[in-house]
C-alpha atoms as a PDB file:
ATOM      1  CA  MET A   1      -0.052  -0.035   0.173  1.00  0.00           C
ATOM      2  CA  ASN A   2       1.545   3.001  -0.536  1.00  0.00           C
ATOM      3  CA  ARG A   3       1.605   6.510   1.657  1.00  0.00           C
ATOM      4  CA  GLY A   4      -1.364   8.353   0.150  1.00  0.00           C
ATOM      5  CA  ASP A   5      -4.129   4.619   0.273  1.00  0.00           C
ATOM      6  CA  ALA A   6      -2.495   4.646   4.036  1.00  0.00           C
ATOM      7  CA  TRP A   7      -3.458   7.843   5.131  1.00  0.00           C
ATOM      8  CA  ARG A   8      -6.821   8.059   3.366  1.00  0.00           C
ATOM      9  CA  ASP A   9      -7.264   4.650   5.598  1.00  0.00           C
ATOM     10  CA  LYS A  10      -6.091   6.948   8.424  1.00  0.00           C
ATOM     11  CA  GLY A  11      -8.942   9.600   7.663  1.00  0.00           C
ATOM     12  CA  THR A  12     -12.389   9.992   7.850  1.00  0.00           C
ATOM     13  CA  TYR A  13     -15.248  12.886   6.322  1.00  0.00           C
ATOM     14  CA  PHE A  14     -17.041  15.968   7.178  1.00  0.00           C
ATOM     15  CA  SER A  15     -19.707  18.005   5.138  1.00  0.00           C
ATOM     16  CA  TRP A  16     -19.802  21.855   5.297  1.00  0.00           C
ATOM     17  CA  ARG A  17     -21.099  24.748   3.648  1.00  0.00           C
ATOM     18  CA  PRO A  18     -19.286  28.243   2.947  1.00  0.00           C
ATOM     19  CA  ARG A  19     -22.030  30.836   4.825  1.00  0.00           C
ATOM     20  CA  ARG A  20     -21.656  33.259   1.858  1.00  0.00           C
ATOM     21  CA  GLY A  21     -22.061  32.341  -1.836  1.00  0.00           C
ATOM     22  CA  ASP A  22     -23.836  29.942  -3.566  1.00  0.00           C
ATOM     23  CA  ALA A  23     -21.696  27.058  -3.503  1.00  0.00           C
ATOM     24  CA  ALA A  24     -22.814  23.578  -3.201  1.00  0.00           C
ATOM     25  CA  GLU A  25     -22.455  20.899   0.383  1.00  0.00           C
ATOM     26  CA  VAL A  26     -19.002  19.321   0.014  1.00  0.00           C
ATOM     27  CA  ARG A  27     -17.153  15.988   1.726  1.00  0.00           C
ATOM     28  CA  ILE A  28     -13.864  17.134   3.464  1.00  0.00           C
ATOM     29  CA  PHE A  29     -11.367  14.214   4.471  1.00  0.00           C
ATOM     30  CA  HIS A  30      -9.722  15.312   7.888  1.00  0.00           C
ATOM     31  CA  VAL A  31      -6.997  12.204  10.151  1.00  0.00           C
ATOM     32  CA  GLU A  32      -7.118  12.074  13.028  1.00  0.00           C
ATOM     33  CA  VAL A  33      -3.571  10.094  15.100  1.00  0.00           C
ATOM     34  CA  GLY A  34      -2.340  10.377  19.180  1.00  0.00           C
ATOM     35  CA  ASP A  35      -4.426  10.387  22.295  1.00  0.00           C
ATOM     36  CA  ALA A  36      -8.288  12.324  22.182  1.00  0.00           C
ATOM     37  CA  GLY A  37      -7.223  13.655  25.149  1.00  0.00           C
ATOM     38  CA  ALA A  38      -3.704  14.851  24.357  1.00  0.00           C
ATOM     39  CA  PRO A  39      -2.888  18.606  23.923  1.00  0.00           C
ATOM     40  CA  PRO A  40      -4.229  18.798  20.135  1.00  0.00           C
ATOM     41  CA  VAL A  41      -1.915  20.170  17.143  1.00  0.00           C
ATOM     42  CA  VAL A  42      -3.557  20.801  14.103  1.00  0.00           C
ATOM     43  CA  LEU A  43      -1.291  21.134  11.154  1.00  0.00           C
ATOM     44  CA  VAL A  44      -2.463  23.441   7.903  1.00  0.00           C
ATOM     45  CA  HIS A  45      -1.328  21.837   4.550  1.00  0.00           C
ATOM     46  CA  GLY A  46      -0.374  23.982   1.340  1.00  0.00           C
ATOM     47  CA  PHE A  47      -0.511  23.997  -2.405  1.00  0.00           C
ATOM     48  CA  PRO A  48      -1.272  21.888  -4.377  1.00  0.00           C
ATOM     49  CA  THR A  49      -0.632  19.553  -1.727  1.00  0.00           C
ATOM     50  CA  SER A  50      -2.341  18.289   1.272  1.00  0.00           C
ATOM     51  CA  SER A  51      -2.799  16.674   4.327  1.00  0.00           C
ATOM     52  CA  VAL A  52      -0.751  13.884   3.627  1.00  0.00           C
ATOM     53  CA  ASP A  53       2.384  15.909   3.524  1.00  0.00           C
ATOM     54  CA  TRP A  54       1.956  15.851   7.295  1.00  0.00           C
ATOM     55  CA  PHE A  55       2.771  11.615   7.334  1.00  0.00           C
ATOM     56  CA  GLU A  56       5.568  11.189   9.408  1.00  0.00           C
ATOM     57  CA  VAL A  57       5.420  14.215  11.116  1.00  0.00           C
ATOM     58  CA  ALA A  58       1.864  13.450  12.861  1.00  0.00           C
ATOM     59  CA  GLU A  59       3.012   9.931  13.674  1.00  0.00           C
ATOM     60  CA  LYS A  60       6.163  11.272  15.756  1.00  0.00           C
ATOM     61  CA  LEU A  61       3.993  14.404  17.666  1.00  0.00           C
ATOM     62  CA  SER A  62       1.152  11.294  18.278  1.00  0.00           C
ATOM     63  CA  ASP A  63       2.563  10.098  21.165  1.00  0.00           C
ATOM     64  CA  ARG A  64       1.867  13.386  23.067  1.00  0.00           C
ATOM     65  CA  TYR A  65       0.145  15.156  20.853  1.00  0.00           C
ATOM     66  CA  ARG A  66      -3.914  14.943  19.883  1.00  0.00           C
ATOM     67  CA  VAL A  67      -2.751  15.692  15.825  1.00  0.00           C
ATOM     68  CA  CYS A  68      -5.737  16.701  13.636  1.00  0.00           C
ATOM     69  CA  ALA A  69      -5.002  17.808   9.548  1.00  0.00           C
ATOM     70  CA  MET A  70      -7.908  18.106   6.953  1.00  0.00           C
ATOM     71  CA  ASP A  71      -7.607  18.478   3.404  1.00  0.00           C
ATOM     72  CA  PHE A  72      -9.078  22.056   1.836  1.00  0.00           C
ATOM     73  CA  PRO A  73     -11.677  21.764  -0.353  1.00  0.00           C
ATOM     74  CA  GLY A  74     -10.206  21.382  -3.974  1.00  0.00           C
ATOM     75  CA  PHE A  75      -7.348  19.420  -2.032  1.00  0.00           C
ATOM     76  CA  GLY A  76      -5.833  15.986  -1.445  1.00  0.00           C
ATOM     77  CA  PHE A  77      -9.365  13.445  -1.093  1.00  0.00           C
ATOM     78  CA  SER A  78     -11.647  16.092   0.049  1.00  0.00           C
ATOM     79  CA  ASP A  79     -14.265  17.354  -3.190  1.00  0.00           C
ATOM     80  CA  LYS A  80     -13.103  19.316  -5.759  1.00  0.00           C
ATOM     81  CA  PRO A  81     -16.558  20.190  -8.030  1.00  0.00           C
ATOM     82  CA  LEU A  82     -14.805  22.571 -10.981  1.00  0.00           C
ATOM     83  CA  GLY A  83     -15.957  26.729 -10.418  1.00  0.00           C
ATOM     84  CA  TRP A  84     -16.885  26.156  -6.706  1.00  0.00           C
ATOM     85  CA  GLY A  85     -15.825  29.386  -5.462  1.00  0.00           C
ATOM     86  CA  TYR A  86     -12.236  28.445  -4.118  1.00  0.00           C
ATOM     87  CA  SER A  87     -10.003  31.375  -1.540  1.00  0.00           C
ATOM     88  CA  LEU A  88      -8.681  31.571   1.275  1.00  0.00           C
ATOM     89  CA  GLU A  89     -11.323  33.262   3.110  1.00  0.00           C
ATOM     90  CA  ARG A  90     -13.232  30.301   2.721  1.00  0.00           C
ATOM     91  CA  ASP A  91     -10.672  27.730   3.558  1.00  0.00           C
ATOM     92  CA  ALA A  92     -10.019  29.545   7.135  1.00  0.00           C
ATOM     93  CA  GLU A  93     -13.765  29.273   7.690  1.00  0.00           C
ATOM     94  CA  VAL A  94     -13.977  25.982   7.466  1.00  0.00           C
ATOM     95  CA  LEU A  95     -10.482  26.033   9.407  1.00  0.00           C
ATOM     96  CA  GLU A  96     -12.414  27.783  12.014  1.00  0.00           C
ATOM     97  CA  TYR A  97     -15.071  25.099  11.520  1.00  0.00           C
ATOM     98  CA  TYR A  98     -13.254  22.002  11.388  1.00  0.00           C
ATOM     99  CA  MET A  99     -11.478  22.738  14.777  1.00  0.00           C
ATOM    100  CA  ALA A 100     -14.148  24.723  17.191  1.00  0.00           C
ATOM    101  CA  GLU A 101     -17.648  21.659  15.700  1.00  0.00           C
ATOM    102  CA  VAL A 102     -15.564  18.407  13.878  1.00  0.00           C
ATOM    103  CA  LEU A 103     -12.636  18.411  16.773  1.00  0.00           C
ATOM    104  CA  GLY A 104     -14.557  20.579  19.423  1.00  0.00           C
ATOM    105  CA  LEU A 105     -11.186  22.264  20.443  1.00  0.00           C
ATOM    106  CA  GLU A 106     -10.632  25.127  22.806  1.00  0.00           C
ATOM    107  CA  SER A 107      -7.810  25.707  22.422  1.00  0.00           C
ATOM    108  CA  VAL A 108      -4.532  24.166  19.999  1.00  0.00           C
ATOM    109  CA  VAL A 109      -1.419  24.947  18.902  1.00  0.00           C
ATOM    110  CA  MET A 110      -1.035  25.483  15.178  1.00  0.00           C
ATOM    111  CA  VAL A 111       1.657  24.191  12.604  1.00  0.00           C
ATOM    112  CA  ALA A 112       0.776  26.191   8.957  1.00  0.00           C
ATOM    113  CA  HIS A 113       2.621  25.389   5.425  1.00  0.00           C
ATOM    114  CA  ASP A 114       3.082  27.127   1.848  1.00  0.00           C
ATOM    115  CA  ARG A 115      -0.326  27.997   0.867  1.00  0.00           C
ATOM    116  CA  GLY A 116      -1.944  26.870   4.525  1.00  0.00           C
ATOM    117  CA  THR A 117       0.156  29.847   5.699  1.00  0.00           C
ATOM    118  CA  SER A 118      -2.019  32.303   4.389  1.00  0.00           C
ATOM    119  CA  VAL A 119      -4.995  30.604   5.463  1.00  0.00           C
ATOM    120  CA  ALA A 120      -3.827  30.517   8.673  1.00  0.00           C
ATOM    121  CA  LEU A 121      -2.972  34.601   8.987  1.00  0.00           C
ATOM    122  CA  ILE A 122      -6.181  35.393   7.513  1.00  0.00           C
ATOM    123  CA  HIS A 123      -7.683  32.930  10.795  1.00  0.00           C
ATOM    124  CA  VAL A 124      -5.968  34.141  13.191  1.00  0.00           C
ATOM    125  CA  THR A 125      -5.710  37.655  12.874  1.00  0.00           C
ATOM    126  CA  SER A 126      -9.135  37.759  12.426  1.00  0.00           C
ATOM    127  CA  GLY A 127     -10.282  38.175  15.810  1.00  0.00           C
ATOM    128  CA  ASP A 128     -13.705  35.852  15.399  1.00  0.00           C
ATOM    129  CA  SER A 129     -12.351  32.507  16.693  1.00  0.00           C
ATOM    130  CA  ARG A 130     -13.729  31.012  18.872  1.00  0.00           C
ATOM    131  CA  VAL A 131     -10.229  28.204  19.448  1.00  0.00           C
ATOM    132  CA  ASN A 132      -7.542  29.633  21.673  1.00  0.00           C
ATOM    133  CA  LEU A 133      -3.990  29.808  19.726  1.00  0.00           C
ATOM    134  CA  GLU A 134      -1.339  28.490  22.037  1.00  0.00           C
ATOM    135  CA  HIS A 135       1.162  28.821  19.855  1.00  0.00           C
ATOM    136  CA  PHE A 136       1.355  29.866  16.039  1.00  0.00           C
ATOM    137  CA  PHE A 137       4.296  28.056  13.935  1.00  0.00           C
ATOM    138  CA  LEU A 138       4.700  29.311  10.373  1.00  0.00           C
ATOM    139  CA  THR A 139       6.537  27.451   7.246  1.00  0.00           C
ATOM    140  CA  ASN A 140       8.206  27.727   4.266  1.00  0.00           C
ATOM    141  CA  GLY A 141       5.963  29.065   2.309  1.00  0.00           C
ATOM    142  CA  ASN A 142       5.283  32.346  -0.043  1.00  0.00           C
ATOM    143  CA  ILE A 143       4.736  34.598   3.232  1.00  0.00           C
ATOM    144  CA  PHE A 144       6.154  37.801   1.443  1.00  0.00           C
ATOM    145  CA  LEU A 145       5.430  37.596  -2.452  1.00  0.00           C
ATOM    146  CA  PRO A 146       8.171  40.216  -3.463  1.00  0.00           C
ATOM    147  CA  MET A 147      10.557  38.118  -1.811  1.00  0.00           C
ATOM    148  CA  SER A 148       9.814  34.842  -3.401  1.00  0.00           C
ATOM    149  CA  ASN A 149      10.787  33.099  -6.905  1.00  0.00           C
ATOM    150  CA  LEU A 150       7.184  32.018  -8.744  1.00  0.00           C
ATOM    151  CA  THR A 151       8.044  28.710 -11.322  1.00  0.00           C
ATOM    152  CA  GLN A 152       7.144  29.345 -14.602  1.00  0.00           C
ATOM    153  CA  ALA A 153       4.395  26.241 -14.121  1.00  0.00           C
ATOM    154  CA  GLN A 154       3.337  28.574 -11.090  1.00  0.00           C
ATOM    155  CA  ARG A 155       2.705  31.324 -13.020  1.00  0.00           C
ATOM    156  CA  ILE A 156       0.932  28.737 -16.164  1.00  0.00           C
ATOM    157  CA  MET A 157      -1.106  27.485 -14.137  1.00  0.00           C
ATOM    158  CA  LEU A 158      -2.544  30.964 -12.333  1.00  0.00           C
ATOM    159  CA  ASP A 159      -2.708  32.595 -16.080  1.00  0.00           C
ATOM    160  CA  PRO A 160      -6.649  32.546 -17.130  1.00  0.00           C
ATOM    161  CA  VAL A 161      -5.749  31.038 -20.413  1.00  0.00           C
ATOM    162  CA  THR A 162      -2.826  28.905 -19.964  1.00  0.00           C
ATOM    163  CA  GLY A 163      -3.900  27.281 -17.009  1.00  0.00           C
ATOM    164  CA  PRO A 164      -7.073  25.656 -17.769  1.00  0.00           C
ATOM    165  CA  ALA A 165      -5.607  24.647 -21.260  1.00  0.00           C
ATOM    166  CA  ALA A 166      -1.754  23.247 -19.821  1.00  0.00           C
ATOM    167  CA  LEU A 167      -3.679  21.351 -16.739  1.00  0.00           C
ATOM    168  CA  ALA A 168      -6.512  19.730 -19.537  1.00  0.00           C
ATOM    169  CA  GLN A 169      -3.551  17.809 -21.336  1.00  0.00           C
ATOM    170  CA  GLY A 170      -1.406  16.963 -17.821  1.00  0.00           C
ATOM    171  CA  THR A 171      -1.861  13.905 -15.633  1.00  0.00           C
ATOM    172  CA  PRO A 172      -1.222  12.771 -11.818  1.00  0.00           C
ATOM    173  CA  GLU A 173       1.350  11.276 -12.994  1.00  0.00           C
ATOM    174  CA  GLN A 174       3.055  14.225 -14.687  1.00  0.00           C
ATOM    175  CA  LEU A 175       2.472  16.745 -11.994  1.00  0.00           C
ATOM    176  CA  ALA A 176       3.812  14.698  -9.457  1.00  0.00           C
ATOM    177  CA  VAL A 177       7.779  14.023 -11.076  1.00  0.00           C
ATOM    178  CA  GLY A 178       7.709  17.534 -11.566  1.00  0.00           C
ATOM    179  CA  ILE A 179       7.286  18.830  -7.867  1.00  0.00           C
ATOM    180  CA  GLY A 180       9.697  15.501  -6.678  1.00  0.00           C
ATOM    181  CA  PRO A 181      13.307  17.089  -7.867  1.00  0.00           C
ATOM    182  CA  LEU A 182      12.656  20.715  -7.247  1.00  0.00           C
ATOM    183  CA  MET A 183      10.824  21.008  -3.879  1.00  0.00           C
ATOM    184  CA  TYR A 184      12.601  18.035  -1.907  1.00  0.00           C
ATOM    185  CA  THR A 185      16.163  17.396  -0.697  1.00  0.00           C
ATOM    186  CA  PRO A 186      17.238  14.963  -2.249  1.00  0.00           C
ATOM    187  CA  PRO A 187      15.019  14.580  -5.021  1.00  0.00           C
ATOM    188  CA  ARG A 188      12.974  12.626  -5.261  1.00  0.00           C
ATOM    189  CA  GLY A 189      11.711  10.272  -8.642  1.00  0.00           C
ATOM    190  CA  ALA A 190       8.911   8.859  -9.430  1.00  0.00           C
ATOM    191  CA  ASP A 191       8.619   5.973  -7.123  1.00  0.00           C
ATOM    192  CA  ASP A 192       9.954   8.047  -3.595  1.00  0.00           C
ATOM    193  CA  PRO A 193       6.838   7.295  -1.256  1.00  0.00           C
ATOM    194  CA  GLU A 194       6.841  10.840  -1.771  1.00  0.00           C
ATOM    195  CA  VAL A 195       6.038  11.278  -4.968  1.00  0.00           C
ATOM    196  CA  GLU A 196       3.574   8.300  -4.745  1.00  0.00           C
ATOM    197  CA  ALA A 197       1.468   9.300  -2.446  1.00  0.00           C
ATOM    198  CA  LEU A 198       0.904  13.018  -4.827  1.00  0.00           C
ATOM    199  CA  VAL A 199       0.359  10.945  -7.533  1.00  0.00           C
ATOM    200  CA  ALA A 200      -2.910   9.632  -5.356  1.00  0.00           C
ATOM    201  CA  ILE A 201      -3.836  12.760  -4.239  1.00  0.00           C
ATOM    202  CA  PHE A 202      -3.937  14.041  -7.837  1.00  0.00           C
ATOM    203  CA  SER A 203      -5.645  11.193  -9.052  1.00  0.00           C
ATOM    204  CA  HIS A 204      -8.848  12.168  -7.004  1.00  0.00           C
ATOM    205  CA  GLY A 205     -11.266  14.124  -7.681  1.00  0.00           C
ATOM    206  CA  GLU A 206     -10.625  17.055 -10.069  1.00  0.00           C
ATOM    207  CA  GLY A 207      -6.727  17.237  -8.505  1.00  0.00           C
ATOM    208  CA  VAL A 208      -5.080  18.279 -11.599  1.00  0.00           C
ATOM    209  CA  ARG A 209      -7.777  20.496 -13.176  1.00  0.00           C
ATOM    210  CA  VAL A 210      -8.907  22.233  -9.891  1.00  0.00           C
ATOM    211  CA  LEU A 211      -5.714  23.617  -9.638  1.00  0.00           C
ATOM    212  CA  HIS A 212      -6.374  26.937 -12.083  1.00  0.00           C
ATOM    213  CA  GLU A 213      -8.928  27.543  -9.389  1.00  0.00           C
ATOM    214  CA  THR A 214      -7.352  26.609  -6.459  1.00  0.00           C
ATOM    215  CA  ILE A 215      -3.416  28.897  -7.443  1.00  0.00           C
ATOM    216  CA  GLN A 216      -6.088  31.935  -7.471  1.00  0.00           C
ATOM    217  CA  TYR A 217      -5.114  31.978  -4.037  1.00  0.00           C
ATOM    218  CA  LEU A 218      -1.692  33.818  -4.479  1.00  0.00           C
ATOM    219  CA  ILE A 219      -3.720  36.712  -6.014  1.00  0.00           C
ATOM    220  CA  GLU A 220      -5.576  37.002  -2.868  1.00  0.00           C
ATOM    221  CA  ARG A 221      -2.036  36.805  -0.875  1.00  0.00           C
ATOM    222  CA  SER A 222      -1.411  39.743  -3.528  1.00  0.00           C
ATOM    223  CA  GLN A 223      -2.873  42.171  -1.725  1.00  0.00           C
ATOM    224  CA  ASP A 224      -3.972  41.129   0.874  1.00  0.00           C
ATOM    225  CA  GLU A 225      -0.120  39.521   2.852  1.00  0.00           C
ATOM    226  CA  ALA A 226       1.525  43.089   4.379  1.00  0.00           C
ATOM    227  CA  SER A 227      -1.634  43.597   6.330  1.00  0.00           C
ATOM    228  CA  TRP A 228      -2.131  40.139   7.319  1.00  0.00           C
ATOM    229  CA  LEU A 229       1.811  40.622   8.528  1.00  0.00           C
ATOM    230  CA  GLU A 230       1.256  44.037  10.465  1.00  0.00           C
ATOM    231  CA  ALA A 231      -2.389  42.018  12.775  1.00  0.00           C
ATOM    232  CA  LEU A 232      -0.241  39.449  13.339  1.00  0.00           C
ATOM    233  CA  ALA A 233       2.483  41.750  14.690  1.00  0.00           C
ATOM    234  CA  ALA A 234       1.045  42.778  17.443  1.00  0.00           C
ATOM    235  CA  LEU A 235      -1.141  40.074  18.339  1.00  0.00           C
ATOM    236  CA  GLU A 236       1.013  38.464  21.545  1.00  0.00           C
ATOM    237  CA  VAL A 237      -0.024  34.545  20.930  1.00  0.00           C
ATOM    238  CA  PRO A 238       3.736  33.104  20.509  1.00  0.00           C
ATOM    239  CA  THR A 239       5.043  32.354  16.989  1.00  0.00           C
ATOM    240  CA  THR A 240       7.380  30.523  15.257  1.00  0.00           C
ATOM    241  CA  PHE A 241       8.649  30.227  12.249  1.00  0.00           C
ATOM    242  CA  ILE A 242      10.914  27.320  11.539  1.00  0.00           C
ATOM    243  CA  TRP A 243      12.592  27.165   7.407  1.00  0.00           C
ATOM    244  CA  GLY A 244      14.821  24.515   5.100  1.00  0.00           C
ATOM    245  CA  VAL A 245      17.091  26.542   4.352  1.00  0.00           C
ATOM    246  CA  TYR A 246      17.086  24.627   0.480  1.00  0.00           C
ATOM    247  CA  ASP A 247      13.811  26.451  -1.119  1.00  0.00           C
ATOM    248  CA  THR A 248      14.733  28.685  -3.465  1.00  0.00           C
ATOM    249  CA  ILE A 249      10.165  29.088  -4.050  1.00  0.00           C
ATOM    250  CA  SER A 250      10.388  30.348  -0.949  1.00  0.00           C
ATOM    251  CA  PRO A 251      13.814  30.848  -0.033  1.00  0.00           C
ATOM    252  CA  PRO A 252      15.284  32.018   3.256  1.00  0.00           C
ATOM    253  CA  ARG A 253      15.256  35.823   2.649  1.00  0.00           C
ATOM    254  CA  VAL A 254      10.942  35.548   2.181  1.00  0.00           C
ATOM    255  CA  VAL A 255      11.177  34.646   5.988  1.00  0.00           C
ATOM    256  CA  ASN A 256      14.292  36.505   7.077  1.00  0.00           C
ATOM    257  CA  TYR A 257      12.555  39.941   5.723  1.00  0.00           C
ATOM    258  CA  VAL A 258       9.590  39.275   7.357  1.00  0.00           C
ATOM    259  CA  TRP A 259      11.484  38.497  10.568  1.00  0.00           C
ATOM    260  CA  ASN A 260      13.305  42.070  10.487  1.00  0.00           C
ATOM    261  CA  GLU A 261      10.452  44.118   9.119  1.00  0.00           C
ATOM    262  CA  TYR A 262       7.618  43.005  11.208  1.00  0.00           C
ATOM    263  CA  MET A 263       7.960  40.309  14.166  1.00  0.00           C
ATOM    264  CA  MET A 264      11.925  41.171  15.494  1.00  0.00           C
ATOM    265  CA  LYS A 265      10.173  43.371  18.196  1.00  0.00           C
ATOM    266  CA  LYS A 266       6.751  41.839  18.246  1.00  0.00           C
ATOM    267  CA  PRO A 267       5.435  40.887  21.135  1.00  0.00           C
ATOM    268  CA  GLY A 268       5.072  38.264  23.063  1.00  0.00           C
ATOM    269  CA  ARG A 269       7.388  34.732  22.710  1.00  0.00           C
ATOM    270  CA  ASN A 270       8.541  34.531  19.078  1.00  0.00           C
ATOM    271  CA  SER A 271      11.690  33.068  17.465  1.00  0.00           C
ATOM    272  CA  LEU A 272      12.861  32.103  14.274  1.00  0.00           C
ATOM    273  CA  TYR A 273      14.306  28.560  13.102  1.00  0.00           C
ATOM    274  CA  TYR A 274      16.624  27.586  10.166  1.00  0.00           C
ATOM    275  CA  VAL A 275      16.557  23.527   9.258  1.00  0.00           C
ATOM    276  CA  PRO A 276      19.515  22.466   7.339  1.00  0.00           C
ATOM    277  CA  ASP A 277      19.674  19.930   4.319  1.00  0.00           C
ATOM    278  CA  ALA A 278      15.308  20.418   4.261  1.00  0.00           C
ATOM    279  CA  ASN A 279      13.889  22.150   1.125  1.00  0.00           C
ATOM    280  CA  HIS A 280      10.349  23.759   0.618  1.00  0.00           C
ATOM    281  CA  TYR A 281       8.786  19.998   2.009  1.00  0.00           C
ATOM    282  CA  LEU A 282      11.167  19.899   5.293  1.00  0.00           C
ATOM    283  CA  GLN A 283       8.673  18.422   6.758  1.00  0.00           C
ATOM    284  CA  ASN A 284       9.375  15.850   4.478  1.00  0.00           C
ATOM    285  CA  ASP A 285      13.074  16.202   3.529  1.00  0.00           C
ATOM    286  CA  GLN A 286      13.575  16.080   7.201  1.00  0.00           C
ATOM    287  CA  PRO A 287      10.960  14.703  10.099  1.00  0.00           C
ATOM    288  CA  GLU A 288      12.727  14.006  13.113  1.00  0.00           C
ATOM    289  CA  ALA A 289      14.626  17.683  13.037  1.00  0.00           C
ATOM    290  CA  PHE A 290      10.857  19.094  12.163  1.00  0.00           C
ATOM    291  CA  VAL A 291       9.410  17.643  15.363  1.00  0.00           C
ATOM    292  CA  GLU A 292      12.675  18.645  17.274  1.00  0.00           C
ATOM    293  CA  THR A 293      12.383  22.149  16.604  1.00  0.00           C
ATOM    294  CA  PHE A 294       8.467  22.148  17.121  1.00  0.00           C
ATOM    295  CA  LEU A 295       9.213  20.996  20.273  1.00  0.00           C
ATOM    296  CA  HIS A 296      12.572  23.385  21.389  1.00  0.00           C
ATOM    297  CA  ALA A 297      10.144  25.779  20.442  1.00  0.00           C
ATOM    298  CA  LEU A 298       7.559  24.998  23.030  1.00  0.00           C
ATOM    299  CA  GLU A 299      10.511  23.725  25.553  1.00  0.00           C
ATOM    300  CA  ALA A 300      13.538  25.780  25.820  1.00  0.00           C
ATOM    301  CA  PRO A 301      14.125  28.710  28.552  1.00  0.00           C
ATOM    302  CA  ASP A 302      13.219  31.765  26.838  1.00  0.00           C
ATOM    303  CA  ASP A 303      16.776  32.718  27.294  1.00  0.00           C
ATOM    304  CA  THR A 304      18.130  30.028  25.191  1.00  0.00           C
ATOM    305  CA  PRO A 305      21.096  31.414  23.300  1.00  0.00           C
ATOM    306  CA  PRO A 306      21.013  31.484  19.530  1.00  0.00           C
ATOM    307  CA  GLY A 307      22.813  28.089  17.601  1.00  0.00           C
ATOM    308  CA  ALA A 308      22.601  24.416  16.961  1.00  0.00           C
ATOM    309  CA  ILE A 309      20.082  22.864  19.575  1.00  0.00           C
ATOM    310  CA  ALA A 310      21.665  19.130  19.892  1.00  0.00           C
ATOM    311  CA  GLN A 311      24.874  18.584  19.455  1.00  0.00           C
ATOM    312  CA  ARG A 312      25.264  16.754  15.938  1.00  0.00           C
ATOM    313  CA  LEU A 313      25.995  18.381  12.094  1.00  0.00           C
ATOM    314  CA  ALA A 314      23.178  19.801  10.337  1.00  0.00           C
ATOM    315  CA  SER A 315      21.420  20.262  14.025  1.00  0.00           C
ATOM    316  CA  PRO A 316      18.469  22.528  13.496  1.00  0.00           C
ATOM    317  CA  LEU A 317      19.679  26.368  14.304  1.00  0.00           C
ATOM    318  CA  LEU A 318      17.841  29.304  16.665  1.00  0.00           C
ATOM    319  CA  VAL A 319      18.476  31.988  14.619  1.00  0.00           C
ATOM    320  CA  ASP A 320      16.731  35.041  16.456  1.00  0.00           C
ATOM    321  CA  ARG A 321      14.208  35.524  19.103  1.00  0.00           C
ATOM    322  CA  SER A 322      12.123  38.833  19.272  1.00  0.00           C
ATOM    323  CA  ARG A 323      12.654  41.377  21.830  1.00  0.00           C
ATOM    324  CA  SER A 324      11.276  44.614  22.413  1.00  0.00           C
ATOM    325  CA  GLU A 325      14.000  46.912  21.254  1.00  0.00           C
ATOM    326  CA  LEU A 326      17.380  46.889  19.486  1.00  0.00           C
ATOM    327  CA  PRO A 327      20.275  47.612  21.559  1.00  0.00           C
ATOM    328  CA  ARG A 328      22.862  50.652  20.862  1.00  0.00           C
ATOM    329  CA  ALA A 329      25.782  49.748  18.946  1.00  0.00           C
ATOM    330  CA  ALA A 330      28.047  51.060  20.583  1.00  0.00           C
ATOM    331  CA  ASP A 331      26.543  49.487  24.178  1.00  0.00           C
ATOM    332  CA  LEU A 332      27.394  45.788  22.408  1.00  0.00           C
ATOM    333  CA  LEU A 333      30.986  46.706  22.583  1.00  0.00           C
ATOM    334  CA  LYS A 334      31.081  47.274  26.347  1.00  0.00           C
ATOM    335  CA  GLY A 335      33.197  45.826  28.453  1.00  0.00           C
ATOM    336  CA  PRO A 336      31.342  43.971  31.369  1.00  0.00           C
ATOM    337  CA  ALA A 337      30.986  46.553  33.962  1.00  0.00           C
END
């Protein structure tokens, strides 16, 4: 059994319809692993993939947490009707419904990746959630588009003429094999479990043709990302960035810019980490290091200095923590009093 089928066997479905508009009801796939009474962690997936991205991380966290993940409409094993009206706003609405109604959560630690960071930023900064956010994690994603490198494939999918035409000719296998060498380190081939899982999710429903509609989130992102980041910077919710350093689509300069401009002096307990030897899908490339970093961000003392979080080569790095103000350069050069 390949990884995609194994993940589908762990899950179940709930039905949901947006409050506004005339969108049809859709069935949404989700997975829960771990003790139902343990502290909850919700994992939020990106584009063009699904919750299966968290396959190994979910398993590694399940001995300590109730780990929950869903596929947004248009993704993974959820329904993918063409012309449904996919948007970040609708996904933020279903994320709230999932946590509050389906899971019945009162508080949560949230981890978001790629497109999921956009959905999560809307949800977190709206002020409307009934679920208390204990800690917010953001991982490799286009959280500031001017610093990102969109691929030619993304631009083709986004275009109203070239996107539908190209995707109508594509196959799940072609799409999955195209992602494997670019976004994972080391590059993944057609027989890799991750690539086979991508074939499984792209084969479900209109998994290839719908991508032209779901990638339009980049338009929403371009219009609103500055206001989302400004709103997050004003919140006291602890926020951690975990970044795979080999990513060329959302390279480290993306998170560095966001950290320096918005998060360095953010109130609360906030931190920035790098994961060496990891690409865009850092949770797949280095799942053990990802979990190690996640736990370090939650448990390490506030005065932990920057540096490797473990005594080994290629350990994840704590790069920086937020502070109320920057020190004066001259003061840094003074010796002990």
